[in-house]
């Protein structure tokens, strides 16, 4: 469990992300599960995935990123769905083939399918079990630990934040 980081801190952090997103029209949207105080944000991006040195064709996909608070782990999570041009979802294994930056030995420890912590539906997720180790150094030194954490891990799943967010780090 993280010291000085709870769901209220998480909500404050993502509201700051939304403020920057609205100012720069970056596409993050706020969602709240009806009847709860649980909120999360989403953003859609169209990205072309390709593999260097492998005989696989490039594919243009739509990512829908979700940033939510995981109550069991007490950390933010980065979850996502990926749709192919035909509307079907890219599987975990298909996504893995397009991402050479992951070590195949730890595939399911790093990237997995879990239930969304708010929606309770299956979604691909950077596994939250070690998030506390990544985000802990930012808790005391960052204006927005969630942004600092995202700048550290987002590139693994093709999520890039524009420069405007860096003033929150």
Protein backbone atom coordinates (compact mmCIF):
# COMPACT_ATOMS: atom_id res chain seq x y z
CA UNK A 1 0.00 0.00 0.00
CA UNK A 2 1.26 3.47 -0.86
CA UNK A 3 1.80 5.98 1.89
CA UNK A 4 0.04 9.29 1.18
CA UNK A 5 -1.79 8.01 -1.89
CA UNK A 6 -5.42 6.97 -1.83
CA UNK A 7 -8.49 7.15 -4.03
CA UNK A 8 -9.07 10.81 -3.15
CA UNK A 9 -5.50 11.67 -4.21
CA UNK A 10 -6.01 9.67 -7.39
CA UNK A 11 -9.20 11.59 -8.22
CA UNK A 12 -7.48 14.92 -7.61
CA UNK A 13 -4.63 13.83 -9.93
CA UNK A 14 -6.87 12.74 -12.80
CA UNK A 15 -8.94 15.91 -12.53
CA UNK A 16 -5.69 17.83 -13.14
CA UNK A 17 -5.06 15.62 -16.18
CA UNK A 18 -8.54 16.49 -17.41
CA UNK A 19 -7.93 20.20 -16.89
CA UNK A 20 -4.80 20.05 -19.10
CA UNK A 21 -6.58 17.79 -21.60
CA UNK A 22 -9.47 20.23 -21.93
CA UNK A 23 -7.10 23.17 -22.31
CA UNK A 24 -5.14 21.44 -25.10
CA UNK A 25 -8.03 19.39 -26.51
CA UNK A 26 -6.11 16.19 -25.90
CA UNK A 27 -9.13 13.87 -25.72
CA UNK A 28 -9.26 12.55 -22.14
CA UNK A 29 -12.83 12.06 -20.90
CA UNK A 30 -14.12 11.58 -17.35
CA UNK A 31 -16.50 8.76 -16.47
CA UNK A 32 -18.25 7.91 -13.23
CA UNK A 33 -19.94 4.63 -12.46
CA UNK A 34 -23.57 5.32 -11.63
CA UNK A 35 -24.36 5.11 -7.94
CA UNK A 36 -20.70 5.25 -6.85
CA UNK A 37 -17.96 7.80 -6.36
CA UNK A 38 -15.62 5.71 -8.56
CA UNK A 39 -14.29 7.68 -11.52
CA UNK A 40 -11.88 6.92 -14.33
CA UNK A 41 -10.69 8.63 -17.49
CA UNK A 42 -10.45 7.37 -21.06
CA UNK A 43 -8.81 8.42 -24.29
CA UNK A 44 -8.91 6.93 -27.79
CA UNK A 45 -5.94 7.00 -30.17
CA UNK A 46 -5.39 5.54 -33.62
CA UNK A 47 -1.94 3.98 -33.81
CA UNK A 48 -0.06 1.92 -36.39
CA UNK A 49 1.68 -1.06 -34.87
CA UNK A 50 4.59 -2.66 -36.67
CA UNK A 51 7.40 -5.05 -35.92
CA UNK A 52 10.94 -4.42 -37.13
CA UNK A 53 12.89 -7.44 -38.36
CA UNK A 54 9.83 -9.73 -38.32
CA UNK A 55 7.65 -10.72 -41.26
CA UNK A 56 4.41 -9.30 -39.86
CA UNK A 57 2.39 -6.62 -41.62
CA UNK A 58 1.81 -3.27 -39.92
CA UNK A 59 -1.69 -2.85 -38.54
CA UNK A 60 -3.59 0.31 -37.72
CA UNK A 61 -5.57 -0.08 -34.52
CA UNK A 62 -7.67 2.01 -32.15
CA UNK A 63 -6.50 2.08 -28.54
CA UNK A 64 -8.91 3.07 -25.81
CA UNK A 65 -6.89 3.81 -22.68
CA UNK A 66 -8.43 3.77 -19.21
CA UNK A 67 -6.81 5.18 -16.08
CA UNK A 68 -8.61 4.01 -12.97
CA UNK A 69 -7.92 3.39 -9.30
CA UNK A 70 -7.45 -0.21 -8.24
CA UNK A 71 -8.87 -0.50 -4.71
CA UNK A 72 -7.26 -3.86 -3.94
CA UNK A 73 -3.74 -2.72 -4.88
CA UNK A 74 -4.35 0.94 -3.85
CA UNK A 75 -2.68 2.20 -7.03
CA UNK A 76 -3.69 3.68 -10.37
CA UNK A 77 -3.89 1.27 -13.28
CA UNK A 78 -3.41 1.75 -16.98
CA UNK A 79 -5.81 -0.49 -18.85
CA UNK A 80 -6.79 -0.54 -22.50
CA UNK A 81 -8.72 -2.18 -25.28
CA UNK A 82 -7.40 -2.38 -28.83
CA UNK A 83 -9.64 -2.70 -31.86
CA UNK A 84 -8.56 -3.85 -35.31
CA UNK A 85 -9.95 -2.08 -38.39
CA UNK A 86 -12.66 -4.76 -38.71
CA UNK A 87 -13.95 -3.96 -35.20
CA UNK A 88 -12.65 -7.09 -33.47
CA UNK A 89 -10.40 -6.76 -30.44
CA UNK A 90 -6.70 -7.45 -30.66
CA UNK A 91 -5.88 -10.26 -28.24
CA UNK A 92 -3.21 -10.10 -25.59
CA UNK A 93 -1.07 -12.52 -27.57
CA UNK A 94 -1.50 -10.51 -30.80
CA UNK A 95 -0.56 -7.30 -29.01
CA UNK A 96 2.45 -9.02 -27.48
CA UNK A 97 3.78 -9.90 -30.95
CA UNK A 98 3.84 -6.20 -31.84
CA UNK A 99 5.78 -5.18 -28.73
CA UNK A 100 9.41 -6.19 -28.74
CA UNK A 101 10.17 -4.02 -25.68
CA UNK A 102 8.59 -6.65 -23.41
CA UNK A 103 10.52 -9.68 -22.21
CA UNK A 104 8.57 -12.75 -23.32
CA UNK A 105 9.52 -14.61 -20.14
CA UNK A 106 7.46 -12.20 -18.04
CA UNK A 107 4.62 -11.59 -20.48
CA UNK A 108 1.76 -12.43 -18.14
CA UNK A 109 3.42 -10.74 -15.16
CA UNK A 110 3.66 -7.47 -17.06
CA UNK A 111 0.60 -7.39 -19.27
CA UNK A 112 -2.54 -9.30 -18.49
CA UNK A 113 -6.29 -9.29 -18.82
CA UNK A 114 -8.06 -8.30 -15.60
CA UNK A 115 -11.48 -7.00 -14.70
CA UNK A 116 -11.66 -3.22 -14.97
CA UNK A 117 -11.66 -1.95 -11.37
CA UNK A 118 -14.71 0.25 -11.96
CA UNK A 119 -16.63 -1.42 -14.81
CA UNK A 120 -15.90 -5.02 -13.78
CA UNK A 121 -15.43 -6.07 -17.43
CA UNK A 122 -12.33 -7.77 -18.90
CA UNK A 123 -9.67 -5.34 -20.16
CA UNK A 124 -5.96 -5.54 -20.99
CA UNK A 125 -3.93 -4.10 -18.14
CA UNK A 126 -0.38 -3.36 -17.20
CA UNK A 127 -0.40 -5.55 -14.13
CA UNK A 128 -0.77 -3.42 -10.96
CA UNK A 129 1.24 -5.66 -8.62
CA UNK A 130 4.45 -3.62 -8.98
CA UNK A 131 2.93 -0.20 -9.63
CA UNK A 132 3.60 0.89 -6.05
CA UNK A 133 7.34 0.43 -6.66
CA UNK A 134 7.22 2.65 -9.75
CA UNK A 135 4.98 5.38 -8.35
CA UNK A 136 6.33 5.55 -4.77
CA UNK A 137 9.29 7.86 -5.59
CA UNK A 138 6.88 10.31 -7.23
CA UNK A 139 4.51 10.57 -4.25
CA UNK A 140 6.66 13.08 -2.37
CA UNK A 141 8.38 14.84 -5.27
CA UNK A 142 5.76 15.21 -8.02
CA UNK A 143 2.87 17.65 -8.25
CA UNK A 144 0.93 14.83 -9.92
CA UNK A 145 2.24 11.30 -9.24
CA UNK A 146 -0.22 9.80 -11.75
CA UNK A 147 1.26 11.88 -14.60
CA UNK A 148 4.81 11.04 -13.49
CA UNK A 149 3.90 7.35 -13.41
CA UNK A 150 2.26 7.55 -16.86
CA UNK A 151 5.35 9.18 -18.38
CA UNK A 152 7.35 6.24 -17.03
CA UNK A 153 5.14 3.36 -18.17
CA UNK A 154 2.85 4.70 -20.92
CA UNK A 155 5.28 4.18 -23.80
CA UNK A 156 5.16 0.41 -23.22
CA UNK A 157 1.58 0.48 -24.53
CA UNK A 158 2.00 3.34 -27.02
CA UNK A 159 0.51 6.02 -24.75
CA UNK A 160 2.37 9.26 -25.21
CA UNK A 161 1.57 12.37 -23.20
CA UNK A 162 2.08 15.80 -24.74
CA UNK A 163 4.58 18.23 -23.21
CA UNK A 164 1.82 20.20 -21.46
CA UNK A 165 1.42 17.44 -18.86
CA UNK A 166 5.08 17.59 -17.83
CA UNK A 167 4.47 20.76 -15.82
CA UNK A 168 2.49 18.50 -13.44
CA UNK A 169 5.51 16.26 -12.76
